[in-house]
Each structure stands twice: as structure tokens, then as C-alpha cells.
N, C-alpha and C. Protein backbone atom coordinates (compact mmCIF):
# COMPACT_ATOMS: atom_id res chain seq x y z
N MET A 1 120.67 -7.28 123.66
CA MET A 1 120.99 -6.44 122.33
C MET A 1 119.78 -6.08 121.63
N VAL A 2 119.78 -4.68 121.53
CA VAL A 2 118.90 -4.09 120.53
C VAL A 2 119.23 -4.41 119.14
N HIS A 3 118.20 -4.78 118.33
CA HIS A 3 118.04 -5.29 116.93
C HIS A 3 117.35 -4.00 116.03
N GLN A 4 118.05 -3.30 115.11
CA GLN A 4 117.19 -2.17 114.53
C GLN A 4 117.30 -2.77 112.76
N GLU A 5 115.99 -2.78 112.35
CA GLU A 5 115.83 -3.20 111.03
C GLU A 5 115.91 -2.75 109.70
N VAL A 6 117.05 -2.48 109.66
CA VAL A 6 117.43 -1.76 108.07
C VAL A 6 116.94 -2.17 107.02
N HIS A 7 116.17 -1.61 106.07
CA HIS A 7 115.55 -1.87 104.84
C HIS A 7 116.68 -0.89 103.59
N ILE A 8 116.75 -1.59 103.19
CA ILE A 8 118.06 -0.43 101.65
C ILE A 8 116.51 -0.85 100.69
N THR A 9 116.76 0.46 99.96
CA THR A 9 115.72 1.03 98.63
C THR A 9 117.53 0.49 97.83
N ALA A 10 116.62 -0.59 96.08
CA ALA A 10 117.19 -1.07 94.88
C ALA A 10 118.19 0.22 94.41
N VAL A 11 116.95 1.45 94.46
CA VAL A 11 117.67 2.16 93.13
C VAL A 11 118.87 3.44 94.53
N THR A 12 118.43 3.74 95.41
CA THR A 12 118.94 4.65 96.14
C THR A 12 120.11 4.22 96.95
N GLY A 13 119.79 3.34 97.16
CA GLY A 13 120.36 2.79 98.07
C GLY A 13 120.37 3.49 99.81
N ALA A 14 119.39 4.25 99.78
CA ALA A 14 118.96 4.61 101.46
C ALA A 14 117.74 3.90 101.78
N THR A 15 118.19 3.94 103.31
CA THR A 15 117.35 3.62 104.43
C THR A 15 115.93 4.19 104.56
N SER A 16 114.87 3.43 104.95
CA SER A 16 113.44 3.62 104.98
C SER A 16 113.02 4.96 105.59
N GLY A 17 114.24 5.00 106.82
CA GLY A 17 113.81 6.58 107.34
C GLY A 17 114.53 7.35 106.35
N GLU A 18 115.40 7.59 105.71
CA GLU A 18 115.78 8.33 104.70
C GLU A 18 115.01 8.67 103.53
N THR A 19 114.03 7.43 103.04
CA THR A 19 113.01 7.45 102.05
C THR A 19 111.98 8.73 102.61
N GLU A 20 111.51 8.25 104.02
CA GLU A 20 110.58 8.66 104.40
C GLU A 20 110.76 10.32 104.68
N ALA A 21 112.11 10.91 104.90
CA ALA A 21 112.38 11.81 105.12
C ALA A 21 112.82 12.70 104.12
N ARG A 22 113.05 12.12 102.45
CA ARG A 22 112.67 12.78 101.81
C ARG A 22 111.35 12.94 100.98
N ALA A 23 110.48 11.76 101.27
CA ALA A 23 108.97 12.20 100.98
C ALA A 23 108.43 13.27 101.81
N ARG A 24 109.03 13.76 102.83
CA ARG A 24 108.04 14.69 103.87
C ARG A 24 109.02 15.45 103.07
N MET A 25 110.15 16.34 102.93
CA MET A 25 111.00 16.91 102.45
C MET A 25 109.95 17.51 100.96
N LYS A 26 109.79 16.69 99.97
CA LYS A 26 109.22 16.87 98.67
C LYS A 26 107.82 17.00 99.03
N MET A 27 107.04 16.50 99.63
CA MET A 27 105.56 16.66 100.07
C MET A 27 105.32 18.81 100.77
N ARG A 28 106.89 19.17 101.13
CA ARG A 28 107.01 20.62 102.08
C ARG A 28 106.99 21.35 100.81
N THR A 29 107.94 20.84 100.01
CA THR A 29 108.61 21.87 98.83
C THR A 29 107.21 21.59 97.75
N HIS A 30 106.52 20.83 97.60
CA HIS A 30 104.68 20.91 96.82
C HIS A 30 104.10 22.10 97.34
N PHE A 31 103.87 21.88 98.76
CA PHE A 31 102.84 22.70 99.28
C PHE A 31 103.63 24.10 99.43
N GLN A 32 104.52 24.23 99.85
CA GLN A 32 105.33 25.52 99.80
C GLN A 32 104.63 26.81 98.53
N PRO A 33 104.69 26.25 97.22
CA PRO A 33 104.10 27.68 96.36
C PRO A 33 102.41 27.62 96.59
N ALA A 34 101.68 26.79 97.24
CA ALA A 34 100.42 26.53 97.14
C ALA A 34 100.58 27.76 98.85
N ARG A 35 100.82 27.54 99.95
CA ARG A 35 101.32 28.56 101.02
C ARG A 35 101.55 29.84 100.50
N ILE A 36 102.05 30.52 99.52
CA ILE A 36 102.71 31.27 99.03
C ILE A 36 101.52 32.02 98.56
N VAL A 37 101.14 31.54 97.64
CA VAL A 37 99.59 32.26 96.85
C VAL A 37 98.60 32.53 98.01
N LEU A 38 98.35 31.43 98.74
CA LEU A 38 97.39 31.70 99.97
C LEU A 38 97.69 32.72 100.85
N LEU A 39 99.18 33.11 101.36
CA LEU A 39 99.36 34.34 101.70
C LEU A 39 99.00 35.75 100.78
N VAL A 40 99.57 35.44 99.66
CA VAL A 40 99.54 36.85 98.90
C VAL A 40 98.07 37.20 98.37
N VAL A 41 97.04 36.30 98.58
CA VAL A 41 95.27 36.57 97.89
C VAL A 41 95.31 36.92 99.58
N LEU A 42 95.15 36.49 100.85
CA LEU A 42 94.75 37.39 101.88
C LEU A 42 95.54 38.73 102.08
N ALA A 43 96.97 39.06 101.61
CA ALA A 43 97.34 39.90 102.09
C ALA A 43 96.61 41.07 101.38
N THR A 44 95.94 40.74 99.82
CA THR A 44 95.25 41.40 98.98
C THR A 44 94.23 41.71 99.69
N PHE A 45 93.14 40.89 100.11
CA PHE A 45 92.06 40.80 100.50
C PHE A 45 92.35 41.86 101.45
N LEU A 46 93.32 42.10 102.88
CA LEU A 46 92.83 42.67 103.86
C LEU A 46 93.57 44.22 103.33
N LEU A 47 94.01 44.14 102.81
CA LEU A 47 94.42 45.74 101.91
C LEU A 47 93.56 46.20 101.17
N THR A 48 92.77 45.17 100.62
CA THR A 48 91.29 46.16 99.82
C THR A 48 89.94 46.46 100.78
N ASN A 49 90.13 45.59 101.57
CA ASN A 49 89.01 45.70 101.86
C ASN A 49 88.97 46.12 103.59
N GLY A 50 90.09 46.80 104.46
CA GLY A 50 90.41 47.21 105.91
C GLY A 50 89.66 48.87 105.42
N CYS A 51 90.06 49.80 105.08
CA CYS A 51 89.55 50.78 104.68
C CYS A 51 89.49 51.63 103.44
N THR A 52 88.56 52.03 102.74
CA THR A 52 87.94 52.44 101.56
C THR A 52 87.37 53.52 102.10
N MET A 53 87.27 54.02 100.60
CA MET A 53 86.87 55.37 100.42
C MET A 53 85.29 55.32 99.98
N VAL A 54 84.14 55.64 100.31
CA VAL A 54 82.96 55.33 99.81
C VAL A 54 83.01 55.83 98.41
N ARG A 55 82.70 55.34 97.22
CA ARG A 55 82.62 56.21 95.97
C ARG A 55 81.22 56.32 95.56
N SER A 56 79.66 56.24 96.12
CA SER A 56 78.70 56.02 95.82
C SER A 56 77.99 56.58 97.01
N GLU A 57 76.71 57.47 95.98
CA GLU A 57 75.93 58.02 97.41
C GLU A 57 75.40 57.44 97.85
N SER A 58 74.87 55.84 97.03
CA SER A 58 73.92 54.96 97.64
C SER A 58 74.22 54.50 98.78
N ASP A 59 75.70 54.31 98.74
CA ASP A 59 76.41 53.46 99.98
C ASP A 59 76.13 54.59 100.68
N VAL A 60 75.92 55.43 101.45
CA VAL A 60 75.93 55.99 102.52
C VAL A 60 74.07 56.61 102.99
N LEU A 61 73.56 56.00 102.39
CA LEU A 61 72.33 56.00 102.67
C LEU A 61 71.93 54.96 104.41
N GLY A 62 71.54 55.24 105.50
CA GLY A 62 71.24 54.73 106.49
C GLY A 62 71.19 55.22 107.74
N GLU A 63 71.07 54.74 108.67
CA GLU A 63 71.35 55.11 110.53
C GLU A 63 72.39 55.44 110.61
N TYR A 64 73.35 56.35 111.50
CA TYR A 64 74.31 56.30 111.95
C TYR A 64 74.45 56.57 113.63
N GLU A 65 75.25 56.62 114.17
CA GLU A 65 75.54 57.01 115.24
C GLU A 65 76.64 57.96 115.51
N LEU A 66 77.05 58.30 116.47
CA LEU A 66 77.67 59.41 117.13
C LEU A 66 78.10 58.88 118.73
N LYS A 67 78.98 58.80 119.11
CA LYS A 67 79.05 58.06 120.91
C LYS A 67 80.02 59.34 121.25
N VAL A 68 79.71 60.10 122.24
CA VAL A 68 80.81 60.79 123.09
C VAL A 68 80.65 60.74 124.30
N GLY A 69 81.07 59.82 125.33
CA GLY A 69 81.03 60.28 126.74
C GLY A 69 79.53 59.00 127.12
N THR A 70 78.67 60.21 127.44
CA THR A 70 77.54 59.52 127.73
C THR A 70 76.02 60.24 126.48
N GLY A 71 76.88 60.73 125.56
CA GLY A 71 75.98 61.26 124.92
C GLY A 71 76.03 60.78 123.84
N LYS A 72 75.24 61.00 122.56
CA LYS A 72 75.36 60.31 121.52
C LYS A 72 73.77 61.05 120.69
N ILE A 73 74.32 60.59 119.55
CA ILE A 73 73.76 61.78 118.48
C ILE A 73 73.41 60.74 117.15
N GLU A 74 71.95 60.50 116.71
CA GLU A 74 71.48 59.82 115.30
C GLU A 74 71.46 60.91 114.61
N LEU A 75 71.75 59.84 112.92
CA LEU A 75 71.87 60.68 112.01
C LEU A 75 71.11 59.67 111.26
N LYS A 76 70.32 60.22 110.61
CA LYS A 76 69.45 58.96 109.47
C LYS A 76 69.34 59.99 108.09
N ILE A 77 70.24 59.65 107.40
CA ILE A 77 70.53 59.90 105.84
C ILE A 77 69.81 59.31 104.89
N LEU A 78 69.00 59.52 104.54
CA LEU A 78 67.31 59.28 104.02
C LEU A 78 67.61 59.57 102.27
N PRO A 79 67.29 58.33 101.44
CA PRO A 79 67.09 58.68 99.46
C PRO A 79 66.43 59.79 99.41
N ASP A 80 65.50 60.92 99.89
CA ASP A 80 64.99 62.18 99.18
C ASP A 80 66.15 63.15 99.37
N LYS A 81 67.48 62.87 100.28
CA LYS A 81 68.09 64.10 99.97
C LYS A 81 67.74 64.59 101.21
N SER A 82 66.98 64.10 102.50
CA SER A 82 67.35 64.99 103.91
C SER A 82 68.00 64.08 104.54
N PHE A 83 67.82 64.90 105.89
CA PHE A 83 68.82 64.09 107.04
C PHE A 83 68.09 64.61 108.47
N SER A 84 68.26 63.98 109.15
CA SER A 84 67.35 63.61 110.70
C SER A 84 68.88 63.61 111.76
N GLU A 85 68.42 64.68 112.63
CA GLU A 85 69.62 64.53 113.26
C GLU A 85 68.92 64.44 114.56
N ARG A 86 69.26 63.44 115.56
CA ARG A 86 68.27 63.22 117.42
C ARG A 86 69.55 63.48 117.65
N ILE A 87 69.93 64.36 119.19
CA ILE A 87 70.79 64.91 119.48
C ILE A 87 70.35 64.42 121.50
N PHE A 88 70.55 63.38 121.78
CA PHE A 88 70.64 62.95 123.36
C PHE A 88 72.05 63.36 124.10
N TRP A 89 71.84 64.84 125.22
CA TRP A 89 72.55 65.52 126.02
C TRP A 89 72.67 64.03 126.92
N SER A 90 73.77 64.41 127.68
CA SER A 90 74.18 63.36 128.50
C SER A 90 73.16 63.83 130.00
N THR A 91 72.51 64.83 130.04
CA THR A 91 71.43 65.02 130.68
C THR A 91 70.17 64.30 130.71
N GLY A 92 70.19 64.06 129.89
CA GLY A 92 68.46 63.77 129.39
C GLY A 92 67.81 64.09 128.48
N LYS A 93 68.06 65.25 127.94
CA LYS A 93 67.80 65.94 127.22
C LYS A 93 67.46 65.62 125.34
N VAL A 94 66.95 65.92 125.23
CA VAL A 94 66.66 65.18 123.19
C VAL A 94 66.41 66.34 122.20
N GLU A 95 67.06 66.54 121.43
CA GLU A 95 66.63 67.66 120.32
C GLU A 95 66.91 67.40 118.85
N ASN A 96 65.48 67.23 118.07
CA ASN A 96 65.69 66.90 117.05
C ASN A 96 65.75 67.99 115.91
N ARG A 97 66.64 67.35 115.10
CA ARG A 97 67.00 68.48 113.76
C ARG A 97 67.30 67.74 112.38
N SER A 98 67.01 68.76 111.22
CA SER A 98 66.88 68.15 110.34
C SER A 98 67.26 68.74 109.30
N GLY A 99 67.79 68.68 108.09
CA GLY A 99 68.35 69.27 107.10
C GLY A 99 68.70 68.53 105.58
N LYS A 100 69.36 69.02 104.81
CA LYS A 100 69.36 68.46 103.22
C LYS A 100 70.85 68.13 102.95
N TRP A 101 71.48 67.28 102.75
CA TRP A 101 72.39 66.54 102.39
C TRP A 101 72.62 66.75 101.05
N VAL A 102 74.18 66.94 100.36
CA VAL A 102 74.19 66.72 98.63
C VAL A 102 75.35 65.84 98.81
N TRP A 103 75.57 64.66 97.99
CA TRP A 103 76.46 64.30 97.47
C TRP A 103 77.76 65.24 96.33
N THR A 104 78.53 65.24 96.61
CA THR A 104 79.92 65.90 95.90
C THR A 104 81.27 65.56 95.81
N GLU A 105 81.85 65.32 94.70
CA GLU A 105 83.37 64.82 94.51
C GLU A 105 83.24 63.64 95.50
N ASN A 106 82.95 62.61 95.59
CA ASN A 106 83.26 61.21 97.13
C ASN A 106 82.72 61.91 97.81
N GLY A 107 82.28 62.53 98.45
CA GLY A 107 81.89 63.48 99.85
C GLY A 107 80.26 63.64 100.54
N ILE A 108 79.93 63.98 101.41
CA ILE A 108 78.86 64.11 101.71
C ILE A 108 78.78 65.56 102.46
N GLY A 109 77.91 66.43 102.09
CA GLY A 109 77.79 67.81 102.75
C GLY A 109 76.39 67.46 103.34
N PHE A 110 75.80 68.64 104.06
CA PHE A 110 74.94 68.30 104.99
C PHE A 110 74.82 69.87 105.34
N ASP A 111 73.38 70.51 105.02
CA ASP A 111 73.23 72.06 105.16
C ASP A 111 73.39 72.45 106.61
N GLN A 112 72.86 71.96 107.69
CA GLN A 112 72.72 72.57 109.10
C GLN A 112 72.58 71.07 109.69
N LEU A 113 74.10 70.27 110.00
CA LEU A 113 74.68 69.15 110.64
C LEU A 113 75.18 70.33 112.08
N TRP A 114 74.35 69.26 113.17
CA TRP A 114 75.19 70.46 114.61
C TRP A 114 75.56 69.05 115.31
N ILE A 115 77.21 68.98 115.91
CA ILE A 115 77.71 68.89 116.70
C ILE A 115 77.90 69.77 117.85
N PRO A 116 77.57 69.65 119.06
CA PRO A 116 77.16 70.20 119.65
C PRO A 116 79.05 70.27 120.87
N PRO A 117 79.11 71.31 121.28
CA PRO A 117 80.67 71.42 121.86
C PRO A 117 80.75 69.96 123.04
N GLU A 118 79.86 69.58 123.76
CA GLU A 118 79.91 68.12 124.39
C GLU A 118 80.31 67.14 123.22
N PHE A 119 80.12 66.93 122.29
CA PHE A 119 81.07 66.08 121.67
C PHE A 119 82.40 66.34 120.63
N ALA A 120 82.71 67.47 121.20
CA ALA A 120 83.83 67.55 120.19
C ALA A 120 85.06 67.86 121.52
N PRO A 121 86.31 67.42 120.89
CA PRO A 121 87.18 66.97 121.59
C PRO A 121 87.87 68.93 121.75
N ASP A 122 88.91 68.54 122.83
CA ASP A 122 89.55 69.47 123.01
C ASP A 122 89.89 70.59 122.15
N TYR A 123 90.32 70.44 121.19
CA TYR A 123 91.26 71.00 120.35
C TYR A 123 90.78 72.15 119.81
N ILE A 124 89.35 71.22 119.21
CA ILE A 124 88.20 71.88 118.92
C ILE A 124 87.34 73.08 119.63
N LEU A 125 87.67 72.94 120.87
CA LEU A 125 86.76 73.41 121.72
C LEU A 125 87.88 74.50 121.53
N ARG A 126 89.36 74.55 121.55
CA ARG A 126 90.16 75.74 121.83
C ARG A 126 90.20 76.68 120.50
N ALA A 127 90.22 76.01 119.20
CA ALA A 127 89.63 76.59 118.31
C ALA A 127 88.21 77.46 118.21
N ASP A 128 87.57 76.79 118.72
CA ASP A 128 85.99 77.37 118.91
C ASP A 128 86.18 78.84 119.60
N ALA A 129 86.92 78.86 121.13
CA ALA A 129 87.15 79.94 121.92
C ALA A 129 88.10 81.16 120.91
N GLU A 130 88.77 80.78 120.12
CA GLU A 130 89.67 81.71 119.13
C GLU A 130 88.99 82.19 118.54
N ALA A 131 88.24 81.60 117.82
CA ALA A 131 86.81 81.51 116.76
C ALA A 131 85.69 82.62 117.12
N THR A 132 85.75 83.11 118.23
CA THR A 132 84.71 83.85 118.99
C THR A 132 85.60 85.01 119.56
N ALA A 133 86.77 85.15 119.58
CA ALA A 133 87.61 86.08 119.70
C ALA A 133 87.93 86.69 118.37
N ASN A 134 87.88 86.04 117.11
CA ASN A 134 87.78 86.61 115.85
C ASN A 134 86.80 86.57 115.06
N ARG A 135 85.74 86.51 115.66
CA ARG A 135 84.30 86.68 115.28
C ARG A 135 84.03 86.04 114.04
N GLN A 136 84.57 84.74 114.24
CA GLN A 136 84.68 83.53 113.13
C GLN A 136 83.41 82.66 113.44
N PRO A 137 83.10 81.75 112.40
CA PRO A 137 82.36 80.66 113.05
C PRO A 137 82.70 79.64 113.49
N LYS A 138 82.03 78.95 114.14
CA LYS A 138 82.68 78.08 115.21
C LYS A 138 82.52 76.29 114.57
N TYR A 139 82.95 75.62 114.61
CA TYR A 139 82.78 74.36 114.13
C TYR A 139 81.92 73.14 115.06
N THR A 140 81.52 73.84 116.33
CA THR A 140 80.75 73.54 117.56
C THR A 140 78.76 74.24 117.09
N GLU A 141 78.98 75.14 116.00
CA GLU A 141 77.82 75.49 115.61
C GLU A 141 76.85 74.84 114.33
N PRO A 142 75.56 74.71 114.49
CA PRO A 142 74.91 73.87 113.38
C PRO A 142 75.32 75.30 112.15
N GLY A 143 75.85 74.25 110.42
CA GLY A 143 75.99 74.92 109.68
C GLY A 143 76.28 73.90 108.95
N TYR A 144 76.81 74.78 107.80
CA TYR A 144 77.65 73.36 106.73
C TYR A 144 78.46 72.33 107.24
N SER A 145 78.39 71.54 106.56
CA SER A 145 79.56 70.09 107.05
C SER A 145 79.30 69.84 106.39
N TRP A 146 81.09 69.21 105.89
CA TRP A 146 81.18 68.14 104.67
C TRP A 146 81.89 67.21 105.29
N GLY A 147 82.10 65.96 104.91
CA GLY A 147 82.74 64.82 104.93
C GLY A 147 83.19 63.54 103.82
N ARG A 148 84.22 62.96 104.13
CA ARG A 148 84.17 61.71 103.03
C ARG A 148 84.15 60.73 103.97
N PRO A 149 82.98 59.95 103.38
CA PRO A 149 82.83 58.89 103.74
C PRO A 149 83.30 57.62 104.10
N GLU A 150 84.09 57.13 104.84
CA GLU A 150 85.43 55.75 104.53
C GLU A 150 84.46 54.64 104.99
N LYS A 151 84.56 53.46 104.52
CA LYS A 151 84.40 51.99 104.60
C LYS A 151 85.71 51.52 105.42
N HIS A 152 85.10 51.15 106.59
CA HIS A 152 85.88 50.36 107.42
C HIS A 152 85.34 49.08 107.94
N TRP A 153 86.54 48.03 107.12
CA TRP A 153 85.96 46.80 107.01
C TRP A 153 83.94 46.22 106.89
N GLY A 154 83.87 46.91 105.88
CA GLY A 154 82.45 46.94 105.51
C GLY A 154 81.44 48.06 106.06
N THR A 155 81.84 48.55 106.96
CA THR A 155 81.31 49.43 108.02
C THR A 155 81.02 50.78 107.63
N VAL A 156 80.20 51.66 107.44
CA VAL A 156 80.41 52.85 106.42
C VAL A 156 80.47 54.04 107.45
N MET A 157 81.90 54.81 107.74
CA MET A 157 81.88 55.99 108.91
C MET A 157 82.34 57.32 107.85
N ILE A 158 81.28 58.12 108.95
CA ILE A 158 81.48 59.23 108.60
C ILE A 158 82.54 60.19 109.32
N PRO A 159 83.87 60.59 109.04
CA PRO A 159 84.44 61.49 110.21
C PRO A 159 84.15 62.69 109.96
N ILE A 160 83.88 63.48 111.68
CA ILE A 160 83.59 64.60 112.06
C ILE A 160 84.87 65.20 112.40
N PHE A 161 85.69 64.85 113.28
CA PHE A 161 86.77 65.34 114.14
C PHE A 161 87.69 63.90 113.81
N PRO A 162 88.49 63.58 112.83
CA PRO A 162 89.04 62.41 112.68
C PRO A 162 90.20 62.40 113.34
N ASP A 163 91.18 63.43 113.75
CA ASP A 163 92.59 63.46 114.98
C ASP A 163 91.93 62.56 116.39
N ALA A 164 90.92 62.96 116.54
CA ALA A 164 90.12 62.78 117.63
C ALA A 164 89.26 61.09 117.53
N ASP A 165 88.74 60.93 116.27
CA ASP A 165 88.10 59.47 116.25
C ASP A 165 87.27 59.82 116.60
N VAL A 166 86.43 61.09 116.27
CA VAL A 166 84.71 61.27 116.37
C VAL A 166 84.31 61.28 114.77
N ARG A 167 83.10 60.38 115.03
CA ARG A 167 82.89 59.86 113.53
C ARG A 167 80.99 59.10 113.97
N PHE A 168 80.68 59.33 112.82
CA PHE A 168 79.58 58.81 112.80
C PHE A 168 79.92 57.42 112.07
N GLN A 169 79.18 56.19 112.57
CA GLN A 169 79.55 54.90 112.57
C GLN A 169 78.01 53.99 111.66
N MET A 170 77.44 53.89 110.30
CA MET A 170 76.67 53.20 110.08
C MET A 170 76.26 52.07 111.26
N ILE A 171 74.71 51.94 111.59
CA ILE A 171 74.23 50.89 112.29
C ILE A 171 73.04 50.23 111.66
N ARG A 172 72.35 51.24 110.43
CA ARG A 172 71.58 50.24 109.62
C ARG A 172 71.27 50.89 108.29
N ILE A 173 71.63 49.87 107.49
CA ILE A 173 71.47 50.46 105.76
C ILE A 173 70.37 50.66 105.43
N PHE A 174 69.95 51.97 104.30
CA PHE A 174 68.80 51.85 103.76
C PHE A 174 69.05 51.97 102.34
N HIS A 175 67.90 51.48 101.87
CA HIS A 175 68.25 51.30 100.47
C HIS A 175 67.31 52.13 99.66
N ARG A 176 67.74 52.64 98.31
CA ARG A 176 66.89 53.50 97.34
C ARG A 176 65.34 52.27 97.03
N PRO A 177 64.02 53.10 97.45
CA PRO A 177 62.91 52.48 96.68
C PRO A 177 63.13 52.36 95.26
């Protein structure tokens, strides 16, 4: 025969098992508001820090990379308002270019940035073919280029062809002297 020991509390008349269950329930409800606050803080942090617009020209100073296939473009945005561009072609050829940049309306403009056809998505190549037929400037010719830098989880990005996810990604920060 199995004997079960039952303790009765004087005030509630509950068994010790029932008292433990109530204590656990009380602790759960006590920590419930803390969990909710933690979730709200975490959600706010994720929403505000995931992707934001860059609002200061000093935030764009640095070295960037754009990679498509086996080709790569390195872009240095310098504090003296100049930039240098180094294009690494998939053939092994390297080409250096430079120009000036300007900060305007929370964006950055480059006077002679070049994104060659090798780095452009198909829809840009099609638009360039139409531009040739209509004697219009091409997206893949050197010329003025403007972009709105963004921060993705703390890393500055400069979208070039956003629909194809072609963008410069900051790899090193430069600080103003």
C-alpha cells in the first residue's frame, strides 16, 4: 500500500502541491511584464538599427567595395571631397580613376564615377541599348552619379542599382582630421 503524505495549510486549506503551483503561477505573472518590456525594447532596437538613412557626410568617409562576379570596384571617399575608384576587371586588368564628390540633401554625388557594363544587371544593359538608339547617356558610362547612403546593421552602403542589390559596401571608415 502506498502512503501519500498530504500537508494542509492552516489559512487556505490547500495541499503543499497546490501551494507550490500557486507560487509558480505567481512568479510567472510577476515576470510577465518584464518579458513584455524586454520584447518591446528588443523590437524597438531592431527596427531603429536595422536599416537607416545616413544623415551626415562624415558618415560616408571611408573605403568601399562593390563586387559582381569576379570583378570588383574599390571606392575611397576622402575628407578633402575627392574620391578614387579602382576597377578590377575579371580579365585581370586594373583601372584607376578619380574625381570629386559632394554631399547634397542627405545623399552623395560623384562627378565622374564609372560603373562599367560588367557590373550592371541585365535591365540596365537593356536600358543602355535603348539609350544608344535614342542618343541618350548610358548608365554604364562615366558621369555624374548620385546615391542615398544607408546603414544596414551599422555598415554604410551606397546603392548603385538597388533593384539588383548592386551596391558599394563600406569596408573601412575614414575620420576627418
